Amino acid sequence: GVKEGDVDVFRGVPFASPPVGEFRWRPPQPVTPWEGVRDAKEFGPSCAQGGWGAAPGTIAEGSSEDCLYLNVWKPAGARQGAKLPVMVWIHGGAFVGGSGNTSGNGFATKGVILVSINYRLGRLGHFAFPALTAEHPEEPKGSYAYMDQIAALKWVQQNITAFGGDPKNVTIFGFSAGGVSIHSLMTIPSARGLFQKAIGHSSGGRDGVLTGRPISKENASQYYPVSAETTGINFARKHGIEGTDAAALAKLRAMKVEEIVDGGQENDGQGGPRIYSGPILDGKLVVENSTAAYNAGRHARVPLMIGCNSAEIGGAFVNASSTKEELFSMFGELKEEARAAYDPDGTKDFAEVQTRFNTDKVWGEPARFAAQSVAAKGNPAYIFLFSYVPAGMQQRMRFGPGHGTDISFVFDNLRVPEGGTADPSDKEVARIMNGYWVNFAKTGNPNGEGLPQWPLFNPKTNQILDVQPDGKAVAKPDPRKARLDVIEKAVNAGDKIQPNGI
């Protein structure tokens, strides 16, 4: 690796063999040992993906099917026996894009070892096909992305001591699809014991697999393998591969990775059949979705820190409504309660109401649901709301910070204009956020010297930490309570506000 100031960095460390050729759509295989010293100065590839601006039939620069690499940042000079806390970062990108090739210096300088991982994406990460179901029946199927994440966590258990880390003090944290992964790892039986704390950024908490409804062991046969295999068959047919036997699978494995990525399309390009399933409930690795697991208390008994930004995403992401009246009508008998919660004076713009609804439906209320489930089993839960918008972004983010805005503050890795300096308010918010995350990794409690008190979440008091628009971190009753309550009622009444197209 390399020494960068007070940090030692090891990049591009393989945690599994390349998942190519016969190992495409197989669980991650052990690394082939090497002789001598391996160069760990450069990042390994991100997983093959379409990427912004990628031409049809190509994949993004720096991405590859050979992608199962991780990176380690540690305090310079830390040695075996130091027993430093470990954080494992799972990147976002809707399970079809993104990269773990980031910077962990902001954590390593505070006495935490940061590990970031790459994992299989798109159809390389989630794919089902009848011949795959029949092949190697002893192996788990479907969600290879989750298998990769678990393999990386096992690598940490086996190897992090040599870097000075404590394998008994591991915190997993992730954003967006990486946050959805946190809930999956909280509820996948084979991930138990691989981590001791969890953090979800814009991660939801009611996340479904193939369906937004609760899926449990008792009703899983309704959903798998038919739905997931059908999308696989649709993809094969799009590329002229007929049949569902071993010969068809051989043709799929012989396809170029650019064809597998297929521009990241979720349907056939003509608005027809789905050709990408997303995470799959296979009954062996993923045995139920997080909704069912949290409802039944079948989740990892670990402290949880969870939250989202105040204006995650606008537009028709969750629903296709074009007016406030149309949106409130989706609540059915709860229509007037929804109106009172979202627009009590009847003066808010539709764009603001829709942004708040999108945020609450996909991220805010599900995060509260997950925190309630964790707290109900006696484990600490902390909820945050990130409402701070940097000065330079306020015109673009007029309703609050959007999806992912909080991440650079948590990593204390602010982007500064060339030749310029970071805004003092931004630097203070980064200090606060990074401080909470470091403390949580060390002790399971985000509080510490120099930080405003962040109360434990209790449904009766409903206290959260709000990083306000002015940058001050304030403990307060959740200001979204009325909105989240009506969302929860609608979900429990049969989810009349089912998302469209996500």
Protein backbone atom coordinates (compact mmCIF):
# COMPACT_ATOMS: atom_id res chain seq x y z
CA GLY A 1 0.00 0.00 0.00
CA VAL A 2 0.94 3.66 0.38
CA LYS A 3 1.31 6.12 3.23
CA GLU A 4 -0.71 9.30 2.79
CA GLY A 5 0.06 11.63 5.68
CA ASP A 6 -1.25 9.99 8.82
CA VAL A 7 -3.01 7.19 6.95
CA ASP A 8 -1.89 3.91 5.40
CA VAL A 9 -3.96 2.91 2.37
CA PHE A 10 -4.25 -0.49 0.69
CA ARG A 11 -6.25 -0.42 -2.55
CA GLY A 12 -7.48 -3.14 -4.87
CA VAL A 13 -7.19 -6.04 -2.41
CA PRO A 14 -9.03 -9.12 -3.77
CA PHE A 15 -11.53 -10.71 -1.39
CA ALA A 16 -12.69 -13.33 -3.93
CA SER A 17 -11.61 -14.70 -7.29
CA PRO A 18 -12.80 -12.92 -10.45
CA PRO A 19 -16.48 -13.91 -11.00
CA VAL A 20 -16.00 -14.52 -14.73
CA GLY A 21 -16.44 -17.40 -17.18
CA GLU A 22 -17.86 -20.44 -15.40
CA PHE A 23 -18.13 -18.36 -12.19
CA ARG A 24 -20.52 -15.80 -13.68
CA TRP A 25 -23.70 -16.17 -11.54
CA ARG A 26 -21.97 -18.36 -8.98
CA PRO A 27 -21.24 -17.49 -5.34
CA PRO A 28 -17.87 -15.75 -4.84
CA GLN A 29 -14.98 -18.21 -4.96
CA PRO A 30 -11.84 -18.18 -2.75
CA VAL A 31 -8.90 -16.00 -3.78
CA THR A 32 -5.99 -17.83 -5.41
CA PRO A 33 -3.00 -17.13 -3.13
CA TRP A 34 -0.06 -15.23 -4.58
CA GLU A 35 3.64 -15.35 -3.84
CA GLY A 36 5.62 -12.36 -2.67
CA VAL A 37 4.27 -8.84 -2.14
CA ARG A 38 1.16 -7.71 -3.99
CA ASP A 39 1.00 -4.09 -5.17
CA ALA A 40 -1.94 -2.40 -3.42
CA LYS A 41 -1.41 1.18 -4.52
CA GLU A 42 -4.22 1.47 -7.10
CA PHE A 43 -7.95 0.88 -6.90
CA GLY A 44 -9.34 -2.25 -8.48
CA PRO A 45 -12.12 -1.94 -11.07
CA SER A 46 -15.68 -1.08 -10.14
CA CYS A 47 -18.29 -3.58 -11.28
CA ALA A 48 -19.21 -3.39 -14.95
CA GLN A 49 -21.99 -0.82 -15.41
CA GLY A 50 -23.53 1.44 -18.01
CA GLY A 51 -22.58 4.73 -16.43
CA TRP A 52 -23.47 8.26 -17.46
CA GLY A 53 -22.68 8.96 -21.09
CA ALA A 54 -21.56 5.40 -21.85
CA ALA A 55 -22.21 4.59 -25.51
CA PRO A 56 -24.52 1.67 -26.36
CA GLY A 57 -22.62 -1.61 -26.26
CA THR A 58 -19.96 -0.25 -23.91
CA ILE A 59 -19.37 -0.16 -20.16
CA ALA A 60 -18.21 2.75 -18.03
CA GLU A 61 -14.49 3.48 -17.91
CA GLY A 62 -12.79 1.79 -14.96
CA SER A 63 -15.47 -0.89 -14.63
CA SER A 64 -15.12 -4.60 -15.25
CA GLU A 65 -16.74 -7.95 -14.54
CA ASP A 66 -13.57 -8.71 -12.57
CA CYS A 67 -14.49 -6.43 -9.66
CA LEU A 68 -14.34 -8.21 -6.30
CA TYR A 69 -11.81 -5.95 -4.62
CA LEU A 70 -11.82 -3.91 -1.43
CA ASN A 71 -9.82 -1.02 -0.01
CA VAL A 72 -8.49 -0.42 3.50
CA TRP A 73 -7.61 2.88 5.23
CA LYS A 74 -5.99 2.66 8.66
CA PRO A 75 -4.13 5.00 11.00
CA ALA A 76 -0.49 5.06 9.94
CA GLY A 77 1.56 2.57 11.87
CA ALA A 78 -1.40 0.70 13.37
CA ARG A 79 -0.37 -2.91 13.90
CA GLN A 80 -1.87 -6.23 14.85
CA GLY A 81 -3.19 -6.08 18.40
CA ALA A 82 -4.37 -2.46 18.19
CA LYS A 83 -8.03 -3.64 18.12
CA LEU A 84 -9.27 -0.55 16.32
CA PRO A 85 -12.96 -0.29 15.38
CA VAL A 86 -13.75 -1.19 11.77
CA MET A 87 -16.32 0.37 9.43
CA VAL A 88 -17.33 -1.32 6.17
CA TRP A 89 -18.84 0.98 3.53
CA ILE A 90 -21.33 -0.37 0.96
CA HIS A 91 -21.82 2.06 -1.90
CA GLY A 92 -25.11 3.03 -3.52
CA GLY A 93 -26.19 3.21 -7.13
CA ALA A 94 -29.58 1.48 -7.42
CA PHE A 95 -27.80 -1.90 -7.58
CA VAL A 96 -26.76 -1.09 -11.17
CA GLY A 97 -24.00 1.50 -10.70
CA GLY A 98 -21.63 3.13 -8.26
CA SER A 99 -18.26 2.30 -6.76
CA GLY A 100 -16.57 1.68 -3.44
CA ASN A 101 -13.43 3.46 -4.67
CA THR A 102 -13.70 6.44 -2.35
CA SER A 103 -11.59 8.03 0.41
CA GLY A 104 -11.57 6.77 3.98
CA ASN A 105 -8.99 9.22 5.32
CA GLY A 106 -11.64 11.12 7.31
CA PHE A 107 -12.24 8.02 9.42
CA ALA A 108 -8.71 6.66 9.60
CA THR A 109 -7.36 9.93 11.03
CA LYS A 110 -9.86 9.51 13.90
CA GLY A 111 -8.72 6.02 14.88
CA VAL A 112 -11.14 3.95 12.77
CA ILE A 113 -10.22 1.45 10.05
CA LEU A 114 -12.39 2.04 6.98
CA VAL A 115 -13.00 -0.76 4.48
CA SER A 116 -14.88 -0.05 1.24
CA ILE A 117 -15.98 -2.78 -1.13
CA ASN A 118 -17.06 -3.35 -4.70
CA TYR A 119 -19.73 -5.93 -5.47
CA ARG A 120 -21.52 -7.27 -8.54
CA LEU A 121 -24.15 -4.98 -10.05
CA GLY A 122 -27.10 -5.20 -12.42
CA ARG A 123 -27.66 -8.59 -14.02
CA LEU A 124 -24.22 -9.67 -12.85
CA GLY A 125 -25.38 -9.11 -9.25
CA HIS A 126 -29.02 -10.20 -9.44
CA PHE A 127 -30.09 -12.83 -11.93
CA ALA A 128 -32.24 -15.95 -12.00
CA PHE A 129 -32.74 -18.49 -14.78
CA PRO A 130 -34.20 -22.02 -14.72
CA ALA A 131 -30.88 -23.68 -15.63
CA LEU A 132 -29.16 -21.70 -12.86
CA THR A 133 -31.74 -22.92 -10.36
CA ALA A 134 -30.98 -26.51 -11.38
CA GLU A 135 -27.19 -26.06 -11.51
CA HIS A 136 -25.29 -26.63 -8.23
CA PRO A 137 -28.46 -27.10 -6.13
CA GLU A 138 -26.39 -26.88 -2.95
CA GLU A 139 -25.51 -23.23 -3.65
CA PRO A 140 -27.56 -20.09 -2.94
CA LYS A 141 -28.94 -18.40 -6.03
CA GLY A 142 -30.07 -15.04 -7.30
CA SER A 143 -28.59 -12.18 -5.28
CA TYR A 144 -24.87 -12.49 -6.00
CA ALA A 145 -24.39 -8.88 -4.86
CA TYR A 146 -25.36 -9.89 -1.32
CA MET A 147 -23.13 -12.97 -1.52
CA ASP A 148 -20.24 -10.65 -2.45
CA GLN A 149 -20.97 -8.34 0.49
CA ILE A 150 -21.03 -11.29 2.87
CA ALA A 151 -17.77 -12.61 1.39
CA ALA A 152 -16.17 -9.20 1.99
CA LEU A 153 -17.39 -9.23 5.60
CA LYS A 154 -15.90 -12.70 6.04
CA TRP A 155 -12.62 -11.36 4.63
CA VAL A 156 -12.73 -8.67 7.32
CA GLN A 157 -13.28 -11.31 10.01
CA GLN A 158 -10.33 -13.33 8.75
CA ASN A 159 -7.85 -10.57 7.91
CA ILE A 160 -8.54 -7.23 9.60
CA THR A 161 -6.59 -8.14 12.74
CA ALA A 162 -3.38 -7.94 10.69
CA PHE A 163 -4.21 -4.29 9.91
CA GLY A 164 -4.81 -3.49 13.58
CA GLY A 165 -8.60 -3.91 13.43
CA ASP A 166 -10.97 -5.63 15.83
CA PRO A 167 -13.14 -8.23 14.04
CA LYS A 168 -15.48 -8.13 17.03
CA ASN A 169 -16.19 -4.41 16.52
CA VAL A 170 -17.39 -4.04 12.92
CA THR A 171 -19.94 -1.47 11.79
CA ILE A 172 -21.59 -1.83 8.38
CA PHE A 173 -22.95 1.30 6.75
CA GLY A 174 -24.32 2.10 3.33
CA PHE A 175 -26.22 4.61 1.22
CA SER A 176 -29.23 4.11 -1.06
CA ALA A 177 -28.83 0.61 -2.58
CA GLY A 178 -26.00 0.18 -0.09
CA GLY A 179 -28.48 1.15 2.62
CA VAL A 180 -31.01 -1.38 1.32
CA SER A 181 -28.15 -3.87 1.58
CA ILE A 182 -27.76 -2.96 5.25
CA HIS A 183 -31.34 -4.07 5.92
CA SER A 184 -30.77 -7.24 3.91
CA LEU A 185 -27.62 -8.03 5.89
CA MET A 186 -29.58 -7.33 9.09
CA THR A 187 -32.07 -10.01 8.06
CA ILE A 188 -30.06 -12.61 6.06
CA PRO A 189 -29.28 -15.50 8.45
CA SER A 190 -25.83 -16.22 6.98
CA ALA A 191 -24.70 -12.63 7.69
CA ARG A 192 -25.23 -13.00 11.45
CA GLY A 193 -22.17 -12.42 13.58
CA LEU A 194 -20.21 -10.67 10.80
CA PHE A 195 -20.94 -7.18 12.19
CA GLN A 196 -21.89 -5.63 15.52
CA LYS A 197 -23.47 -2.30 14.49
CA ALA A 198 -25.30 -0.92 11.44
CA ILE A 199 -26.00 2.46 9.85
CA GLY A 200 -28.44 3.15 7.02
CA HIS A 201 -28.25 6.30 4.89
CA SER A 202 -31.38 6.90 2.78
CA SER A 203 -31.88 3.18 3.15
CA GLY A 204 -35.61 2.71 3.58
CA GLY A 205 -36.45 -0.13 5.94
CA ARG A 206 -39.59 -1.63 4.47
CA ASP A 207 -37.66 -2.75 1.43
CA GLY A 208 -39.19 -5.55 -0.60
CA VAL A 209 -37.63 -8.14 -2.85
CA LEU A 210 -39.54 -8.40 -6.12
CA THR A 211 -42.59 -6.93 -4.37
CA GLY A 212 -43.31 -4.18 -1.86
CA ARG A 213 -45.43 -6.54 0.25
CA PRO A 214 -44.11 -8.41 3.30
CA ILE A 215 -42.58 -11.69 2.16
CA SER A 216 -41.95 -14.34 4.77
CA LYS A 217 -40.92 -17.99 4.75
CA GLU A 218 -44.59 -18.89 4.79
CA ASN A 219 -45.56 -17.09 1.56
CA ALA A 220 -42.25 -16.99 -0.32
CA SER A 221 -43.38 -19.62 -2.84
CA GLN A 222 -45.80 -17.07 -4.30
CA TYR A 223 -42.92 -14.91 -5.46
CA TYR A 224 -39.92 -17.12 -6.14
CA PRO A 225 -38.69 -18.51 -8.41
CA VAL A 226 -41.34 -17.55 -10.98
CA SER A 227 -40.97 -13.76 -11.02
CA ALA A 228 -37.17 -13.65 -10.93
CA GLU A 229 -36.73 -16.47 -13.45
CA THR A 230 -39.22 -14.84 -15.81
CA THR A 231 -37.14 -11.66 -15.97
CA GLY A 232 -34.09 -13.82 -16.72
CA ILE A 233 -35.93 -15.58 -19.53
CA ASN A 234 -37.05 -12.19 -20.89
CA PHE A 235 -33.43 -11.04 -20.97
CA ALA A 236 -32.26 -14.19 -22.75
CA ARG A 237 -34.98 -13.87 -25.38
CA LYS A 238 -34.09 -10.25 -26.01
CA HIS A 239 -30.66 -11.50 -27.02
CA GLY A 240 -31.97 -14.32 -29.17
CA ILE A 241 -31.41 -17.10 -26.65
CA GLU A 242 -34.36 -19.49 -26.55
CA GLY A 243 -34.92 -22.34 -24.13
CA THR A 244 -34.16 -22.58 -20.44
CA ASP A 245 -31.74 -25.51 -20.29
CA ALA A 246 -27.99 -25.82 -19.73
CA ALA A 247 -27.28 -25.00 -23.38
CA ALA A 248 -29.11 -21.69 -23.02
CA LEU A 249 -27.17 -20.95 -19.83
CA ALA A 250 -23.89 -21.67 -21.62
CA LYS A 251 -24.86 -19.09 -24.24
CA LEU A 252 -25.64 -16.55 -21.51
CA ARG A 253 -22.26 -17.17 -19.90
CA ALA A 254 -20.57 -16.75 -23.28
CA MET A 255 -22.06 -13.27 -23.79
CA LYS A 256 -19.77 -10.27 -23.62
CA VAL A 257 -20.06 -8.33 -20.39
CA GLU A 258 -21.21 -5.29 -22.40
CA GLU A 259 -24.22 -7.31 -23.57
CA ILE A 260 -24.97 -8.44 -20.01
CA VAL A 261 -24.90 -4.83 -18.78
CA ASP A 262 -27.15 -3.94 -21.74
CA GLY A 263 -26.97 -0.23 -21.07
CA GLY A 264 -28.45 -0.78 -17.62
CA GLN A 265 -31.94 -1.14 -19.09
CA GLU A 266 -34.68 -2.60 -16.89
CA ASN A 267 -36.93 -3.54 -19.80
CA ASP A 268 -36.37 -4.52 -23.42
CA GLY A 269 -35.87 -0.93 -24.52
CA GLN A 270 -39.35 -0.72 -26.02
CA GLY A 271 -41.25 -0.49 -22.73
CA GLY A 272 -41.92 -4.23 -22.85
CA PRO A 273 -41.03 -7.11 -20.50
CA ARG A 274 -38.72 -6.55 -17.54
CA ILE A 275 -35.20 -7.85 -18.05
CA TYR A 276 -33.71 -6.92 -14.65
CA SER A 277 -35.14 -8.17 -11.39
CA GLY A 278 -33.21 -6.39 -8.67
CA PRO A 279 -32.60 -8.27 -5.38
CA ILE A 280 -34.10 -11.76 -5.36
CA LEU A 281 -35.66 -13.79 -2.58
CA ASP A 282 -34.21 -17.22 -3.31
CA GLY A 283 -35.32 -19.03 -0.14
CA LYS A 284 -31.79 -20.09 0.77
CA LEU A 285 -29.69 -16.93 1.11
CA VAL A 286 -32.49 -14.34 1.24
CA VAL A 287 -35.32 -16.10 3.05
CA GLU A 288 -37.62 -13.12 3.61
CA ASN A 289 -37.64 -9.39 3.00
CA SER A 290 -36.84 -6.86 5.68
CA THR A 291 -40.50 -5.88 6.18
CA ALA A 292 -41.41 -9.39 7.29
CA ALA A 293 -38.20 -9.88 9.29
CA TYR A 294 -38.56 -6.61 11.20
CA ASN A 295 -42.25 -7.25 11.84
CA ALA A 296 -41.44 -10.67 13.31
CA GLY A 297 -38.31 -9.58 15.17
CA ARG A 298 -36.10 -11.84 13.05
CA HIS A 299 -33.32 -9.30 12.59
CA ALA A 300 -29.79 -8.95 13.91
CA ARG A 301 -29.72 -7.73 17.50
CA VAL A 302 -27.35 -4.82 16.97
CA PRO A 303 -27.47 -1.03 17.50
CA LEU A 304 -28.85 0.87 14.49
CA MET A 305 -28.33 4.45 13.35
CA ILE A 306 -30.62 5.42 10.48
CA GLY A 307 -31.94 8.44 8.63
CA CYS A 308 -32.31 10.37 5.41
CA ASN A 309 -32.18 13.83 3.90
CA SER A 310 -35.15 16.19 4.11
CA ALA A 311 -35.79 16.41 0.34
CA GLU A 312 -34.42 13.19 -1.13
CA ILE A 313 -35.98 13.36 -4.59
CA GLY A 314 -38.79 15.15 -6.40
CA GLY A 315 -40.83 14.48 -9.51
CA ALA A 316 -42.69 11.30 -10.35
CA PHE A 317 -40.24 8.95 -8.67
CA VAL A 318 -42.82 7.42 -6.34
CA ASN A 319 -46.12 8.37 -7.93
CA ALA A 320 -47.36 9.84 -11.19
CA SER A 321 -49.64 12.46 -9.63
CA SER A 322 -49.67 15.85 -11.32
CA THR A 323 -51.65 17.81 -8.69
CA LYS A 324 -51.96 17.92 -4.92
CA GLU A 325 -55.55 16.73 -5.15
CA GLU A 326 -54.50 13.69 -7.17
CA LEU A 327 -51.73 12.87 -4.70
CA PHE A 328 -53.94 13.18 -1.61
CA SER A 329 -56.65 11.08 -3.29
CA MET A 330 -54.24 8.14 -3.30
CA PHE A 331 -54.69 7.96 0.47
CA GLY A 332 -58.35 6.99 0.08
CA GLU A 333 -60.16 7.35 3.40
CA LEU A 334 -57.05 9.02 4.81
CA LYS A 335 -57.19 11.78 2.18
CA GLU A 336 -58.04 14.64 4.56
CA GLU A 337 -55.51 13.46 7.15
CA ALA A 338 -52.85 13.46 4.42
CA ARG A 339 -53.88 16.95 3.34
CA ALA A 340 -53.66 18.22 6.93
CA ALA A 341 -50.22 16.66 7.34
CA TYR A 342 -48.68 17.83 4.07
CA ASP A 343 -50.49 21.08 3.27
CA PRO A 344 -52.40 22.32 6.34
CA ASP A 345 -52.87 25.85 5.02
CA GLY A 346 -53.36 24.87 1.39
CA THR A 347 -50.50 27.15 0.37
CA LYS A 348 -47.64 24.77 -0.48
CA ASP A 349 -46.47 24.24 -4.05
CA PHE A 350 -47.26 20.84 -5.52
CA ALA A 351 -43.54 20.31 -6.18
CA GLU A 352 -42.76 20.68 -2.47
CA VAL A 353 -45.62 18.41 -1.39
CA GLN A 354 -44.54 15.76 -3.90
CA THR A 355 -40.91 15.96 -2.79
CA ARG A 356 -41.89 15.56 0.87
CA PHE A 357 -44.19 12.64 0.02
CA ASN A 358 -41.52 10.89 -2.05
CA THR A 359 -39.01 11.32 0.76
CA ASP A 360 -41.37 10.16 3.50
CA LYS A 361 -42.78 7.19 1.60
CA VAL A 362 -39.50 5.65 0.42
CA TRP A 363 -37.06 6.75 3.12
CA GLY A 364 -38.49 8.58 6.13
CA GLU A 365 -41.32 6.35 7.37
CA PRO A 366 -39.51 3.08 6.56
CA ALA A 367 -36.47 4.29 8.56
CA ARG A 368 -38.72 4.97 11.55
CA PHE A 369 -40.29 1.52 11.11
CA ALA A 370 -36.85 -0.14 11.20
CA ALA A 371 -35.78 1.90 14.23
CA GLN A 372 -38.99 0.97 16.05
CA SER A 373 -38.36 -2.71 15.33
CA VAL A 374 -34.79 -2.55 16.63
CA ALA A 375 -35.79 -0.57 19.73
CA ALA A 376 -38.63 -3.01 20.46
CA LYS A 377 -36.06 -5.76 20.94
CA GLY A 378 -34.06 -3.67 23.40
CA ASN A 379 -31.27 -2.55 21.07
CA PRO A 380 -30.22 1.11 20.74
CA ALA A 381 -31.64 2.98 17.74
CA TYR A 382 -30.85 6.53 16.65
CA ILE A 383 -32.67 8.49 13.91
CA PHE A 384 -31.20 11.45 12.04
CA LEU A 385 -32.70 13.94 9.59
CA PHE A 386 -30.19 15.81 7.44
CA SER A 387 -31.61 19.22 6.45
CA TYR A 388 -28.43 21.21 5.79
CA VAL A 389 -27.85 22.62 2.31
CA PRO A 390 -24.45 24.13 1.47
CA ALA A 391 -24.63 27.78 0.48
CA GLY A 392 -23.67 27.07 -3.11
CA MET A 393 -26.49 24.53 -3.52
CA GLN A 394 -29.41 26.42 -2.02
CA GLN A 395 -30.94 27.63 -5.28
CA ARG A 396 -30.86 24.15 -6.77
CA MET A 397 -32.07 22.39 -3.61
CA ARG A 398 -34.82 24.81 -2.61
CA PHE A 399 -36.78 22.28 -0.53
CA GLY A 400 -33.75 20.83 1.25
CA PRO A 401 -30.80 18.51 0.59
CA GLY A 402 -31.28 15.81 -2.04
CA HIS A 403 -30.32 12.16 -2.26
CA GLY A 404 -26.70 11.59 -1.21
CA THR A 405 -25.97 15.13 -0.03
CA ASP A 406 -25.01 13.94 3.45
CA ILE A 407 -22.32 11.45 2.41
CA SER A 408 -19.37 13.81 1.90
CA PHE A 409 -20.09 15.37 5.31
CA VAL A 410 -20.15 11.98 7.05
CA PHE A 411 -16.85 11.03 5.39
CA ASP A 412 -15.41 14.50 6.18
CA ASN A 413 -14.41 14.55 2.54
CA LEU A 414 -15.76 17.86 1.26
CA ARG A 415 -15.17 18.87 -2.32
CA VAL A 416 -13.30 22.16 -2.35
CA PRO A 417 -12.92 24.29 -5.50
CA GLU A 418 -9.38 24.21 -6.86
CA GLY A 419 -7.39 26.91 -5.16
CA GLY A 420 -10.23 27.64 -2.73
CA THR A 421 -11.09 26.68 0.83
CA ALA A 422 -14.04 24.85 2.34
CA ASP A 423 -16.90 26.97 3.63
CA PRO A 424 -16.61 27.23 7.46
CA SER A 425 -20.25 26.13 7.91
CA ASP A 426 -19.64 23.11 5.71
CA LYS A 427 -16.52 22.21 7.68
CA GLU A 428 -18.39 22.42 10.98
CA VAL A 429 -21.22 20.20 9.72
CA ALA A 430 -18.62 17.69 8.48
CA ARG A 431 -16.89 17.73 11.87
CA ILE A 432 -20.18 17.04 13.65
CA MET A 433 -21.39 14.31 11.30
CA ASN A 434 -18.06 12.50 11.10
CA GLY A 435 -17.73 12.76 14.88
CA TYR A 436 -21.07 11.05 15.48
CA TRP A 437 -20.24 8.25 13.04
CA VAL A 438 -16.77 7.67 14.53
CA ASN A 439 -18.19 7.53 18.06
CA PHE A 440 -20.89 5.07 17.01
CA ALA A 441 -18.28 2.83 15.39
CA LYS A 442 -16.20 2.88 18.54
CA THR A 443 -18.90 2.40 21.17
CA GLY A 444 -22.35 1.94 19.63
CA ASN A 445 -23.30 5.41 20.90
CA PRO A 446 -22.83 8.46 18.62
CA ASN A 447 -22.48 10.92 21.51
CA GLY A 448 -19.19 12.32 22.67
CA GLU A 449 -17.27 15.39 23.68
CA GLY A 450 -17.89 18.48 21.57
CA LEU A 451 -21.11 17.18 20.00
CA PRO A 452 -24.73 18.10 20.75
CA GLN A 453 -26.57 15.31 22.57
CA TRP A 454 -28.29 12.83 20.25
CA PRO A 455 -31.06 11.01 22.16
CA LEU A 456 -31.93 7.36 21.81
CA PHE A 457 -35.02 6.84 19.68
CA ASN A 458 -38.10 5.96 21.68
CA PRO A 459 -41.48 5.82 19.89
CA LYS A 460 -43.11 7.47 22.92
CA THR A 461 -40.89 10.56 22.91
CA ASN A 462 -40.14 10.48 19.14
CA GLN A 463 -36.81 12.29 19.55
CA ILE A 464 -34.46 12.51 16.57
CA LEU A 465 -31.35 14.48 15.65
CA ASP A 466 -32.03 17.15 13.03
CA VAL A 467 -29.04 18.70 11.29
CA GLN A 468 -30.93 21.89 10.53
CA PRO A 469 -30.72 24.17 7.47
CA ASP A 470 -28.42 26.46 9.49
CA GLY A 471 -26.05 23.53 10.16
CA LYS A 472 -26.80 23.18 13.87
CA ALA A 473 -27.44 19.65 15.13
CA VAL A 474 -30.51 19.76 17.38
CA ALA A 475 -32.34 17.03 19.28
CA LYS A 476 -36.09 17.50 18.87
CA PRO A 477 -39.37 15.65 18.42
CA ASP A 478 -39.54 14.52 14.80
CA PRO A 479 -41.12 17.45 12.88
CA ARG A 480 -42.39 14.98 10.26
CA LYS A 481 -44.50 12.99 12.72
CA ALA A 482 -47.93 13.81 11.25
CA ARG A 483 -46.71 12.99 7.74
CA LEU A 484 -45.00 9.75 8.74
CA ASP A 485 -48.04 8.69 10.77
CA VAL A 486 -50.40 8.99 7.81
CA ILE A 487 -47.93 7.09 5.60
CA GLU A 488 -47.76 4.34 8.23
CA LYS A 489 -51.56 4.16 8.44
CA ALA A 490 -51.83 3.87 4.66
CA VAL A 491 -49.23 1.11 4.56
CA ASN A 492 -50.91 -0.82 7.35
CA ALA A 493 -54.30 -0.39 5.67
CA GLY A 494 -53.07 -2.21 2.58
CA ASP A 495 -50.62 0.28 1.10
CA LYS A 496 -52.96 2.38 -1.03
CA ILE A 497 -49.93 4.50 -1.87
CA GLN A 498 -47.94 1.72 -3.52
CA PRO A 499 -44.97 3.25 -5.41
CA ASN A 500 -45.03 3.24 -9.18
CA GLY A 501 -42.03 1.90 -11.01
CA ILE A 502 -39.49 1.47 -8.22
